[in-house]
Amino acid sequence: MHRCLLLDEILVQILHWVERSTLCAIARTCHAFNEPATALIWSRLIDLWPIFRLLPAAATTWSELGSDKVDHDGPPLCITRPLTPEEWFTVKKLSERVRVLRLIVTPTPTPYTVTPKSLSFLLHPTEQDYLFPNLQTLSMQAQVTPESRNCQDYILAFLRTLVRPHLVSLDLYLDGKFYASPNALDALTSSTNVQSLRTRETPLAAEDGSDVFVFPVISEFQSLVTATIGEGSWKLLTSLAQLKKLRELSFDLCSSTSVAPIPPTCDSFPELRTLCIYFETLDMSLSFLRWALLRKLMSIRIISTDFGRTDYSIDLQELLALIPFHSSLLEHIEVDLSFSRPHQPVPWVLSGSILAPYLTLHNLRVLDLTLAPRSYSPMFTDDELEQMAEAWPLLERLCVKAYDTGWTLPTKLTFGGIMGLIKHCPSLVTFALVFDATKIPKTTISNVDGSTVENRRIQSLDVGNSPISSARQVAVYLRLVMPALREVSTCVRMNQMHKLMWQMVNTHLSAS
């Protein structure tokens, strides 16, 4: 054996790249390999079945419970009686090795889950604080039904044993009819060192009928860096805005929540860099952008589905104007209204002037605007597109499209604007634009040194419902300026002749 393998630090780095089945074989190879390999085997558990399997006297299989369900790894086990001191010692020693634990708790046995009753037998009457003492990452999802109301006490008690001050990542979902006391989740306040949190704000029900929230005081989590919150409220969003270290936030704002609060007197989201937020209406989107301060934001994604209105073009224009107002550091911008259903008779025009404020975002890498079908149309000229390209030298993706249906024709963009985009954005990987492909330039544009302007990064692009007259000539020109291009996609609803011509372009590209 090479001497470097006798150093645990080197050996552990190598073993991190080994599959679990191979680790089990390595652990049996020699004494030097046993401890590092065994530690890695038990460092990550996707459920408690590996521990239950080592308690044959206390564990019962599904088949013995009358279940006919079969899994390719064998039926998971259920604990059916309190553990003996020897069995408890085994669980305790194994749990000390676990760093990452995933639990799915269900009232009845299902693949890769644990029952609340099994959890109850793991709760030692005097030594609960020593169960999983080194746990750093916890993912727990628990489901209860009205018939299994007594099981929730086991779930919450076991959760309290897992939540420790040194917990770094917490993924917690409590589903179904939980009936909790107001102080049932006080143990979560001891996890204030958590840096990554994933949960939803759906409240539990207290005995008196009032709501009990899983994280009532989110502002105490001052170490939080990343948060993913489902079904949240303005109140919770306001608490998150106070966190000094929060850098990434994904938030689903419920439509039933009240209107936005008064803008904060101090900076909100002072260190936020990445934001993905879902709203059911554009009014809520605007309320958030008027309320929040996002001065260091680098990436923003706004998703909105507004089904109840016939025309929200004015709000959409204000929304697009507010985004660059917040931060000059923006690199990634996505606005997705693809599932909205407006019905205004006159299409709204997205002109170059509306996007003029974006010309100051010189670090922009992605601009993706996906708007509702049959209602919106761009009106860029070649000069306006080239001006955008000059302002965004780092651009990697430019998508301005309407979901499913393409734009209202005609379009003022031609191959001239596309060539300006390729010339000034050498990092461009793809784009989605509607342009007039009926007039193919006789020559390409050249660089200062006389070489042809081309892009070897683009392998696919989306032309929507772009009009086209000659498939072969367009394919030749596209391959000339984009040698790596392999596929051109179109929208679903478009002129069938144009669609057929673009399909022929794809045939020519794949053949060349």
Protein backbone atom coordinates (compact mmCIF):
# COMPACT_ATOMS: atom_id res chain seq x y z
CA MET A 1 0.00 0.00 0.00
CA HIS A 2 1.29 3.45 -0.86
CA ARG A 3 2.18 5.49 2.24
CA CYS A 4 -0.08 8.39 1.23
CA LEU A 5 -3.11 6.10 1.69
CA LEU A 6 -2.22 5.79 5.36
CA LEU A 7 -3.14 9.45 5.83
CA ASP A 8 -6.86 9.70 6.63
CA GLU A 9 -7.11 13.19 5.11
CA ILE A 10 -5.97 11.91 1.69
CA LEU A 11 -7.92 8.66 1.91
CA VAL A 12 -11.19 10.44 2.78
CA GLN A 13 -10.84 12.76 -0.21
CA ILE A 14 -10.48 9.74 -2.48
CA LEU A 15 -13.34 7.82 -0.88
CA HIS A 16 -15.70 10.78 -1.35
CA TRP A 17 -15.79 9.85 -5.06
CA VAL A 18 -16.60 6.17 -4.45
CA GLU A 19 -20.11 4.69 -4.68
CA ARG A 20 -21.74 3.38 -1.52
CA SER A 21 -21.59 -0.28 -2.59
CA THR A 22 -17.86 0.06 -3.26
CA LEU A 23 -17.34 1.75 0.11
CA CYS A 24 -18.83 -1.29 1.82
CA ALA A 25 -16.27 -3.51 0.08
CA ILE A 26 -13.41 -1.11 0.92
CA ALA A 27 -14.42 -1.05 4.60
CA ARG A 28 -13.82 -4.81 4.72
CA THR A 29 -10.46 -4.62 2.93
CA CYS A 30 -8.11 -3.77 5.80
CA HIS A 31 -7.93 -2.10 9.18
CA ALA A 32 -6.52 1.16 7.73
CA PHE A 33 -9.48 1.54 5.36
CA ASN A 34 -12.22 0.40 7.73
CA GLU A 35 -12.83 3.50 9.82
CA PRO A 36 -12.67 6.17 7.04
CA ALA A 37 -14.91 4.08 4.74
CA THR A 38 -17.37 3.20 7.52
CA ALA A 39 -17.64 6.86 8.53
CA LEU A 40 -18.58 7.81 4.96
CA ILE A 41 -21.06 4.94 4.64
CA TRP A 42 -23.00 6.18 7.66
CA SER A 43 -22.49 9.91 7.11
CA ARG A 44 -25.52 10.14 4.81
CA LEU A 45 -28.83 8.30 5.37
CA ILE A 46 -31.83 8.64 3.06
CA ASP A 47 -34.02 6.97 5.71
CA LEU A 48 -33.69 4.94 8.93
CA TRP A 49 -33.94 1.54 7.29
CA PRO A 50 -30.16 0.82 7.49
CA ILE A 51 -30.34 1.32 11.27
CA PHE A 52 -33.54 -0.72 11.65
CA ARG A 53 -31.92 -3.59 9.76
CA LEU A 54 -29.32 -3.92 12.53
CA LEU A 55 -32.09 -4.37 15.14
CA PRO A 56 -33.54 -7.73 14.02
CA ALA A 57 -35.15 -8.50 17.36
CA ALA A 58 -37.05 -5.19 17.44
CA ALA A 59 -37.80 -4.72 13.73
CA THR A 60 -40.65 -6.27 11.75
CA THR A 61 -40.95 -6.45 7.98
CA TRP A 62 -43.98 -5.40 5.98
CA SER A 63 -44.82 -8.98 5.14
CA GLU A 64 -45.11 -9.81 8.83
CA LEU A 65 -47.48 -6.85 9.17
CA GLY A 66 -49.67 -8.29 6.44
CA SER A 67 -48.45 -6.04 3.62
CA ASP A 68 -47.91 -7.43 0.11
CA LYS A 69 -45.69 -4.51 -1.02
CA VAL A 70 -42.24 -5.50 -2.25
CA ASP A 71 -39.16 -3.37 -2.92
CA HIS A 72 -36.12 -4.48 -4.89
CA ASP A 73 -33.93 -3.89 -1.81
CA GLY A 74 -36.27 -5.86 0.39
CA PRO A 75 -39.15 -4.56 2.51
CA PRO A 76 -38.33 -1.62 4.81
CA LEU A 77 -38.68 -2.34 8.51
CA CYS A 78 -40.85 -1.04 11.33
CA ILE A 79 -39.87 -0.93 15.01
CA THR A 80 -42.58 -2.64 17.03
CA ARG A 81 -41.40 -2.42 20.65
CA PRO A 82 -39.23 -0.27 22.95
CA LEU A 83 -35.51 -0.81 22.51
CA THR A 84 -33.38 -2.63 25.03
CA PRO A 85 -30.31 -0.83 26.47
CA GLU A 86 -28.07 -2.79 24.09
CA GLU A 87 -30.21 -1.88 21.07
CA TRP A 88 -30.36 1.73 22.17
CA PHE A 89 -26.57 1.77 22.45
CA THR A 90 -26.32 0.50 18.84
CA VAL A 91 -28.64 3.25 17.57
CA LYS A 92 -26.77 5.87 19.55
CA LYS A 93 -23.34 4.87 18.25
CA LEU A 94 -24.52 4.72 14.63
CA SER A 95 -26.34 8.04 14.86
CA GLU A 96 -23.11 9.72 15.98
CA ARG A 97 -21.68 9.10 12.50
CA VAL A 98 -24.62 10.62 10.61
CA ARG A 99 -24.11 14.09 9.15
CA VAL A 100 -26.93 14.14 6.57
CA LEU A 101 -30.38 12.64 7.23
CA ARG A 102 -33.50 12.51 5.10
CA LEU A 103 -36.78 11.36 6.63
CA ILE A 104 -40.24 10.92 5.15
CA VAL A 105 -42.76 10.07 7.87
CA THR A 106 -46.09 8.51 6.92
CA PRO A 107 -48.79 6.89 9.10
CA THR A 108 -48.55 3.60 7.17
CA PRO A 109 -45.42 1.91 5.80
CA THR A 110 -44.48 2.94 2.26
CA PRO A 111 -41.18 2.63 0.36
CA TYR A 112 -38.35 4.61 1.96
CA THR A 113 -40.47 6.06 4.75
CA VAL A 114 -40.73 5.59 8.52
CA THR A 115 -43.86 5.42 10.63
CA PRO A 116 -44.49 7.71 13.63
CA LYS A 117 -44.79 4.62 15.82
CA SER A 118 -41.28 3.55 14.85
CA LEU A 119 -40.00 7.00 15.76
CA SER A 120 -41.63 6.76 19.16
CA PHE A 121 -39.54 3.70 20.05
CA LEU A 122 -36.34 5.60 19.20
CA LEU A 123 -37.09 8.28 21.81
CA HIS A 124 -35.01 7.19 24.79
CA PRO A 125 -36.63 8.41 28.03
CA THR A 126 -33.41 10.00 29.35
CA GLU A 127 -30.93 10.25 26.46
CA GLN A 128 -32.78 11.92 23.61
CA ASP A 129 -30.20 14.70 23.46
CA TYR A 130 -27.59 12.19 22.33
CA LEU A 131 -29.44 10.97 19.23
CA PHE A 132 -27.78 12.20 15.99
CA PRO A 133 -25.57 14.67 17.91
CA ASN A 134 -23.43 15.54 14.86
CA LEU A 135 -26.26 16.07 12.37
CA GLN A 136 -25.62 19.01 10.04
CA THR A 137 -28.24 18.58 7.29
CA LEU A 138 -31.83 17.50 7.95
CA SER A 139 -34.58 16.93 5.39
CA MET A 140 -37.86 15.90 7.00
CA GLN A 141 -41.33 15.59 5.54
CA ALA A 142 -44.13 14.35 7.73
CA GLN A 143 -47.71 13.54 6.82
CA VAL A 144 -50.57 12.90 9.21
CA THR A 145 -54.29 12.29 8.81
CA PRO A 146 -57.17 13.07 11.18
CA GLU A 147 -57.20 9.36 12.09
CA SER A 148 -53.51 9.49 13.11
CA ARG A 149 -53.70 12.59 15.28
CA ASN A 150 -51.92 10.90 18.20
CA CYS A 151 -48.91 10.21 15.95
CA GLN A 152 -48.01 13.88 15.59
CA ASP A 153 -46.65 13.97 19.16
CA TYR A 154 -44.08 11.35 18.17
CA ILE A 155 -43.15 13.31 15.05
CA LEU A 156 -42.71 16.63 16.87
CA ALA A 157 -40.83 14.98 19.73
CA PHE A 158 -38.41 13.31 17.31
CA LEU A 159 -38.00 16.59 15.42
CA ARG A 160 -36.98 18.27 18.67
CA THR A 161 -34.22 15.69 19.15
CA LEU A 162 -32.81 16.42 15.66
CA VAL A 163 -32.81 20.22 15.79
CA ARG A 164 -29.52 21.35 17.31
CA PRO A 165 -27.56 24.61 17.35
CA HIS A 166 -24.98 23.19 14.91
CA LEU A 167 -27.61 22.28 12.26
CA VAL A 168 -26.58 24.00 9.02
CA SER A 169 -29.29 22.97 6.54
CA LEU A 170 -32.98 22.34 7.30
CA ASP A 171 -35.62 21.12 4.85
CA LEU A 172 -38.92 20.80 6.72
CA TYR A 173 -42.45 20.13 5.46
CA LEU A 174 -45.32 19.23 7.79
CA ASP A 175 -48.36 18.17 5.77
CA GLY A 176 -51.86 17.14 6.68
CA LYS A 177 -53.85 17.87 9.82
CA PHE A 178 -51.30 18.71 12.47
CA TYR A 179 -52.79 19.95 15.73
CA ALA A 180 -50.03 21.70 17.61
CA SER A 181 -49.82 23.68 20.81
CA PRO A 182 -48.42 27.24 20.51
CA ASN A 183 -45.08 26.11 22.00
CA ALA A 184 -44.87 22.79 20.12
CA LEU A 185 -42.17 24.08 17.79
CA ASP A 186 -40.14 26.11 20.26
CA ALA A 187 -37.23 23.75 19.65
CA LEU A 188 -36.75 25.27 16.21
CA THR A 189 -35.54 28.46 17.83
CA SER A 190 -32.40 26.55 18.83
CA SER A 191 -31.51 26.12 15.14
CA THR A 192 -30.63 29.77 14.63
CA ASN A 193 -27.30 28.80 13.05
CA VAL A 194 -29.11 27.31 10.05
CA GLN A 195 -27.70 28.71 6.80
CA SER A 196 -30.06 26.97 4.37
CA LEU A 197 -33.82 26.69 4.98
CA ARG A 198 -36.52 25.11 2.85
CA THR A 199 -40.12 25.02 4.08
CA ARG A 200 -43.64 26.32 3.53
CA GLU A 201 -45.64 28.70 5.70
CA THR A 202 -48.90 26.76 5.71
CA PRO A 203 -49.94 27.02 9.40
CA LEU A 204 -50.71 24.15 11.71
CA ALA A 205 -53.92 24.16 13.73
CA ALA A 206 -53.82 24.69 17.51
CA GLU A 207 -56.27 23.05 19.87
CA ASP A 208 -58.23 26.28 20.18
CA GLY A 209 -58.50 26.66 16.40
CA SER A 210 -55.84 29.35 16.05
CA ASP A 211 -52.89 29.11 13.64
CA VAL A 212 -49.46 27.89 14.72
CA PHE A 213 -46.66 28.76 12.31
CA VAL A 214 -43.61 26.54 11.93
CA PHE A 215 -41.22 29.50 11.90
CA PRO A 216 -43.00 32.33 13.73
CA VAL A 217 -39.85 34.41 14.24
CA ILE A 218 -37.82 33.96 11.09
CA SER A 219 -35.87 37.15 11.85
CA GLU A 220 -34.01 35.24 14.61
CA PHE A 221 -32.27 33.14 11.97
CA GLN A 222 -29.48 35.65 11.52
CA SER A 223 -27.14 33.07 9.90
CA LEU A 224 -29.58 32.29 7.10
CA VAL A 225 -27.95 32.53 3.66
CA THR A 226 -30.36 30.58 1.43
CA ALA A 227 -34.15 30.30 1.86
CA THR A 228 -36.87 28.57 -0.18
CA ILE A 229 -40.35 29.34 1.14
CA GLY A 230 -43.63 28.01 -0.25
CA GLU A 231 -47.04 29.59 0.34
CA GLY A 232 -45.59 32.54 2.22
CA SER A 233 -47.09 35.83 3.40
CA TRP A 234 -46.06 39.48 3.35
CA LYS A 235 -45.35 39.23 7.08
CA LEU A 236 -42.83 36.45 6.57
CA LEU A 237 -41.33 38.25 3.59
CA THR A 238 -40.86 41.34 5.77
CA SER A 239 -39.04 39.24 8.37
CA LEU A 240 -36.76 37.78 5.71
CA ALA A 241 -35.96 41.29 4.50
CA GLN A 242 -34.34 42.01 7.88
CA LEU A 243 -31.79 39.20 7.65
CA LYS A 244 -28.31 40.60 7.14
CA LYS A 245 -26.71 37.52 5.55
CA LEU A 246 -29.50 36.34 3.24
CA ARG A 247 -28.11 36.01 -0.30
CA GLU A 248 -30.53 33.66 -2.10
CA LEU A 249 -34.31 33.67 -1.78
CA SER A 250 -37.04 31.70 -3.54
CA PHE A 251 -40.51 32.74 -2.35
CA ASP A 252 -44.08 31.81 -3.27
CA LEU A 253 -46.42 34.60 -2.16
CA CYS A 254 -49.99 33.46 -1.47
CA SER A 255 -52.78 35.36 -3.19
CA SER A 256 -54.81 35.37 0.03
CA THR A 257 -52.24 37.47 1.87
CA SER A 258 -52.81 41.11 2.67
CA VAL A 259 -51.40 44.05 0.74
CA ALA A 260 -47.73 44.92 0.90
CA PRO A 261 -46.54 46.55 4.12
CA ILE A 262 -45.12 50.05 4.41
CA PRO A 263 -41.64 50.27 2.87
CA PRO A 264 -38.91 49.67 5.48
CA THR A 265 -37.04 52.63 6.92
CA CYS A 266 -33.70 50.83 6.54
CA ASP A 267 -32.30 48.74 3.71
CA SER A 268 -34.26 45.56 3.04
CA PHE A 269 -32.46 42.46 1.81
CA PRO A 270 -29.08 44.17 2.29
CA GLU A 271 -27.01 41.24 0.94
CA LEU A 272 -29.51 39.54 -1.37
CA ARG A 273 -27.96 38.46 -4.67
CA THR A 274 -30.43 35.94 -6.14
CA LEU A 275 -34.23 36.22 -6.05
CA CYS A 276 -36.90 33.95 -7.52
CA ILE A 277 -40.42 34.96 -6.57
CA TYR A 278 -43.86 33.78 -7.67
CA PHE A 279 -46.96 35.99 -7.67
CA GLU A 280 -50.48 35.16 -8.75
CA THR A 281 -51.12 38.70 -10.00
CA LEU A 282 -49.12 41.52 -11.50
CA ASP A 283 -50.48 43.81 -8.78
CA MET A 284 -48.57 41.74 -6.22
CA SER A 285 -45.44 41.87 -8.38
CA LEU A 286 -45.62 45.64 -8.55
CA SER A 287 -46.32 45.93 -4.82
CA PHE A 288 -43.18 43.95 -4.09
CA LEU A 289 -40.92 45.91 -6.43
CA ARG A 290 -42.24 49.22 -5.06
CA TRP A 291 -41.70 48.01 -1.49
CA ALA A 292 -38.38 46.15 -1.57
CA LEU A 293 -34.87 47.56 -1.74
CA LEU A 294 -32.61 45.25 -3.74
CA ARG A 295 -29.44 47.24 -4.19
CA LYS A 296 -27.03 44.30 -4.49
CA LEU A 297 -29.28 42.01 -6.51
CA MET A 298 -27.57 40.16 -9.36
CA SER A 299 -30.27 37.69 -10.46
CA ILE A 300 -34.05 38.07 -10.46
CA ARG A 301 -36.80 35.80 -11.72
CA ILE A 302 -40.45 36.87 -11.51
CA ILE A 303 -43.22 34.40 -12.30
CA SER A 304 -46.81 35.63 -12.44
CA THR A 305 -50.11 34.12 -13.55
CA ASP A 306 -52.82 36.74 -13.81
CA PHE A 307 -56.01 35.05 -15.01
CA GLY A 308 -58.58 37.57 -13.86
CA ARG A 309 -57.78 40.60 -16.03
CA THR A 310 -58.32 41.45 -19.67
CA ASP A 311 -55.54 44.02 -20.04
CA TYR A 312 -52.52 44.54 -17.83
CA SER A 313 -50.16 46.10 -20.37
CA ILE A 314 -49.74 49.27 -18.25
CA ASP A 315 -48.74 47.25 -15.19
CA LEU A 316 -46.39 45.14 -17.29
CA GLN A 317 -44.67 48.23 -18.63
CA GLU A 318 -44.20 49.55 -15.06
CA LEU A 319 -42.92 46.15 -13.93
CA LEU A 320 -40.24 46.09 -16.62
CA ALA A 321 -39.27 49.67 -15.76
CA LEU A 322 -38.88 48.92 -12.02
CA ILE A 323 -36.51 45.96 -12.40
CA PRO A 324 -33.35 47.84 -13.53
CA PHE A 325 -34.19 50.64 -11.09
CA HIS A 326 -33.21 48.46 -8.13
CA SER A 327 -29.67 47.39 -8.98
CA SER A 328 -27.03 48.18 -11.58
CA LEU A 329 -25.36 44.84 -10.77
CA LEU A 330 -28.04 42.72 -12.42
CA GLU A 331 -26.70 39.86 -14.51
CA HIS A 332 -29.73 37.59 -14.86
CA ILE A 333 -33.31 38.80 -15.49
CA GLU A 334 -36.30 36.56 -16.19
CA VAL A 335 -39.95 37.59 -16.35
CA ASP A 336 -42.33 34.70 -17.02
CA LEU A 337 -45.98 35.44 -17.78
CA SER A 338 -46.39 32.45 -20.06
CA PHE A 339 -49.45 31.06 -18.30
CA SER A 340 -51.40 34.31 -18.12
CA ARG A 341 -54.52 34.70 -20.22
CA PRO A 342 -55.19 38.35 -21.10
CA HIS A 343 -57.74 39.13 -23.79
CA GLN A 344 -57.16 42.72 -24.80
CA PRO A 345 -58.10 43.22 -28.47
CA VAL A 346 -55.06 45.34 -29.37
CA PRO A 347 -51.64 43.72 -28.79
CA TRP A 348 -49.27 45.57 -26.51
CA VAL A 349 -46.03 46.56 -28.19
CA LEU A 350 -42.72 45.96 -26.41
CA SER A 351 -40.63 48.72 -27.94
CA GLY A 352 -36.93 49.42 -27.64
CA SER A 353 -37.69 52.51 -25.57
CA ILE A 354 -39.28 50.38 -22.81
CA LEU A 355 -36.00 48.47 -22.49
CA ALA A 356 -33.85 51.62 -22.62
CA PRO A 357 -33.17 51.55 -18.82
CA TYR A 358 -31.61 48.11 -19.29
CA LEU A 359 -28.80 49.62 -21.38
CA THR A 360 -27.08 50.65 -18.14
CA LEU A 361 -26.79 46.99 -17.02
CA HIS A 362 -23.39 46.32 -18.55
CA ASN A 363 -22.97 43.04 -16.61
CA LEU A 364 -26.15 41.54 -18.07
CA ARG A 365 -25.76 37.90 -19.11
CA VAL A 366 -29.38 36.72 -19.40
CA LEU A 367 -32.49 38.64 -20.43
CA ASP A 368 -35.49 36.32 -20.78
CA LEU A 369 -38.97 37.82 -21.23
CA THR A 370 -41.66 35.19 -21.84
CA LEU A 371 -45.04 36.88 -22.19
CA ALA A 372 -48.63 35.76 -22.58
CA PRO A 373 -49.78 34.32 -25.93
CA ARG A 374 -51.63 36.32 -28.58
CA SER A 375 -51.35 39.59 -26.72
CA TYR A 376 -47.86 41.05 -26.98
CA SER A 377 -45.51 41.97 -29.77
CA PRO A 378 -41.98 43.44 -29.96
CA MET A 379 -41.16 46.36 -32.17
CA PHE A 380 -37.36 46.41 -32.18
CA THR A 381 -35.46 47.82 -35.09
CA ASP A 382 -32.07 46.51 -36.18
CA ASP A 383 -30.39 49.62 -34.76
CA GLU A 384 -32.11 49.20 -31.38
CA LEU A 385 -31.07 45.56 -31.13
CA GLU A 386 -27.50 46.42 -32.02
CA GLN A 387 -27.51 49.19 -29.41
CA MET A 388 -28.63 46.63 -26.81
CA ALA A 389 -25.89 44.24 -27.92
CA GLU A 390 -23.24 46.95 -27.56
CA ALA A 391 -24.45 47.68 -24.02
CA TRP A 392 -24.37 43.98 -23.02
CA PRO A 393 -20.97 42.60 -24.12
CA LEU A 394 -21.25 39.67 -21.66
CA LEU A 395 -24.69 38.56 -22.89
CA GLU A 396 -25.16 34.78 -23.06
CA ARG A 397 -28.91 34.44 -23.61
CA LEU A 398 -31.47 36.85 -25.08
CA CYS A 399 -35.06 35.58 -25.23
CA VAL A 400 -37.94 37.90 -25.99
CA LYS A 401 -40.93 35.80 -26.93
CA ALA A 402 -44.60 35.08 -26.42
CA TYR A 403 -45.51 31.68 -25.10
CA ASP A 404 -46.75 29.18 -27.68
CA THR A 405 -47.98 31.59 -30.36
CA GLY A 406 -45.16 33.86 -31.51
CA TRP A 407 -45.44 37.56 -32.20
CA THR A 408 -47.93 39.61 -34.11
CA LEU A 409 -46.32 40.18 -37.50
CA PRO A 410 -44.76 42.01 -39.25
CA THR A 411 -41.49 42.48 -37.38
CA LYS A 412 -38.93 45.21 -37.95
CA LEU A 413 -35.99 42.96 -37.12
CA THR A 414 -33.95 41.49 -39.97
CA PHE A 415 -30.72 39.57 -40.38
CA GLY A 416 -28.94 42.90 -39.94
CA GLY A 417 -30.00 43.11 -36.30
CA ILE A 418 -29.12 39.45 -35.73
CA MET A 419 -25.62 40.05 -37.11
CA GLY A 420 -25.20 43.07 -34.80
CA LEU A 421 -26.14 40.84 -31.86
CA ILE A 422 -23.60 38.19 -32.88
CA LYS A 423 -20.87 40.76 -33.46
CA HIS A 424 -21.12 42.55 -30.12
CA CYS A 425 -21.96 39.55 -27.89
CA PRO A 426 -19.20 36.95 -28.38
CA SER A 427 -20.40 34.91 -25.36
CA LEU A 428 -23.91 34.45 -26.77
CA VAL A 429 -25.09 30.83 -26.44
CA THR A 430 -28.68 31.11 -27.67
CA PHE A 431 -31.41 33.62 -28.48
CA ALA A 432 -35.17 33.66 -29.10
CA LEU A 433 -36.30 36.47 -31.40
CA VAL A 434 -38.77 36.92 -34.23
CA PHE A 435 -37.15 38.47 -37.32
CA ASP A 436 -37.81 38.79 -41.03
CA ALA A 437 -35.88 35.96 -42.69
CA THR A 438 -37.30 36.57 -46.17
CA LYS A 439 -34.40 38.83 -47.17
CA ILE A 440 -31.01 37.17 -46.89
CA PRO A 441 -27.98 39.52 -47.02
CA LYS A 442 -25.66 38.90 -49.94
CA THR A 443 -22.59 39.26 -47.75
CA THR A 444 -21.69 38.87 -44.09
CA ILE A 445 -20.14 41.59 -41.94
CA SER A 446 -16.45 41.49 -41.11
CA ASN A 447 -14.26 42.19 -38.11
CA VAL A 448 -11.56 44.85 -38.11
CA ASP A 449 -9.00 42.27 -39.24
CA GLY A 450 -11.17 41.30 -42.21
CA SER A 451 -12.38 37.96 -40.82
CA THR A 452 -16.04 37.03 -40.99
CA VAL A 453 -18.10 37.75 -37.87
CA GLU A 454 -19.28 34.40 -36.53
CA ASN A 455 -20.33 32.67 -33.32
CA ARG A 456 -19.24 29.09 -32.62
CA ARG A 457 -21.12 28.79 -29.31
CA ILE A 458 -24.70 28.85 -30.59
CA GLN A 459 -26.07 25.35 -31.20
CA SER A 460 -29.79 26.12 -31.04
CA LEU A 461 -32.08 29.12 -31.36
CA ASP A 462 -35.80 29.94 -31.29
CA VAL A 463 -37.25 31.93 -34.20
CA GLY A 464 -40.88 31.84 -33.07
CA ASN A 465 -43.13 32.55 -36.05
CA SER A 466 -40.47 34.35 -38.13
CA PRO A 467 -41.43 34.62 -41.80
CA ILE A 468 -39.13 32.86 -44.27
CA SER A 469 -38.97 32.45 -48.06
CA SER A 470 -36.00 30.19 -48.91
CA ALA A 471 -35.04 27.38 -46.53
CA ARG A 472 -31.80 26.48 -48.29
CA GLN A 473 -30.46 30.05 -48.48
CA VAL A 474 -31.36 30.74 -44.83
CA ALA A 475 -29.66 27.51 -43.73
CA VAL A 476 -26.50 28.40 -45.67
CA TYR A 477 -26.38 31.88 -44.16
CA LEU A 478 -27.06 30.66 -40.60
CA ARG A 479 -24.35 28.01 -40.87
CA LEU A 480 -21.94 30.65 -42.21
CA VAL A 481 -22.35 32.94 -39.19
CA MET A 482 -23.12 30.17 -36.64
CA PRO A 483 -21.03 27.14 -37.64
CA ALA A 484 -22.09 25.07 -34.60
CA LEU A 485 -25.85 25.61 -35.14
CA ARG A 486 -27.76 22.32 -35.16
CA GLU A 487 -31.40 23.15 -34.43
CA VAL A 488 -33.91 25.94 -35.03
CA SER A 489 -37.19 25.78 -33.09
CA THR A 490 -40.46 27.54 -33.87
CA CYS A 491 -43.68 28.26 -32.00
CA VAL A 492 -46.73 25.99 -32.08
CA ARG A 493 -49.21 28.32 -33.73
CA MET A 494 -47.80 29.90 -36.90
CA ASN A 495 -48.19 29.99 -40.66
CA GLN A 496 -47.90 26.37 -41.76
CA MET A 497 -45.86 27.25 -44.83
CA HIS A 498 -43.32 29.12 -42.70
CA LYS A 499 -43.26 26.23 -40.22
CA LEU A 500 -42.55 23.78 -43.02
CA MET A 501 -39.76 26.00 -44.37
CA TRP A 502 -38.06 26.16 -40.95
CA GLN A 503 -38.30 22.39 -40.68
CA MET A 504 -36.46 22.23 -44.01
CA VAL A 505 -33.81 24.60 -42.53
CA ASN A 506 -33.26 22.04 -39.76
CA THR A 507 -32.89 19.32 -42.39
CA HIS A 508 -30.22 21.33 -44.23
CA LEU A 509 -28.38 22.11 -40.97
CA SER A 510 -28.26 18.46 -39.90
CA ALA A 511 -27.08 17.38 -43.35
CA SER A 512 -24.22 19.85 -43.60
